[in-house]
């Protein structure tokens, strides 16, 4: 939808912002696709220290994206508030087993983020 696309474009563009220290994305209908984009965009964002993302239907796959983000040494997050983020499960990408077929539309922020994460996984595993 248009709202999802504009939100995803905003999330993807966060990697360009080097001064943001707090971001509140609560109650924005973000699902696991949005969380995947955040994982990609904020992995090297050292200044962002607080992320409020509560009351979004992230589900366990979206929460896993955020946990992987927190585990990145280059991520500056010190506070992640994600209360009330249960939601429908739409598995997109499993870092522990990324094998499979992916259909990517590189016109979409989610697909571009997924492609970057797959490249990072290949680099890490030396594939």
Foldseek 3Di string as FASTA:
>chain_A
DVLVQVLLVVLLPLLVDQAAAEDEQAPSQDELLSLLSNLQSQLQRQRHAYYEHEPHQHAPNSVVSVVVSVPRPNHNYPYYHYHHHHHDDDDDADLVDRDDDDDADVVGSSRVSVVVVVVVSCVVVVD
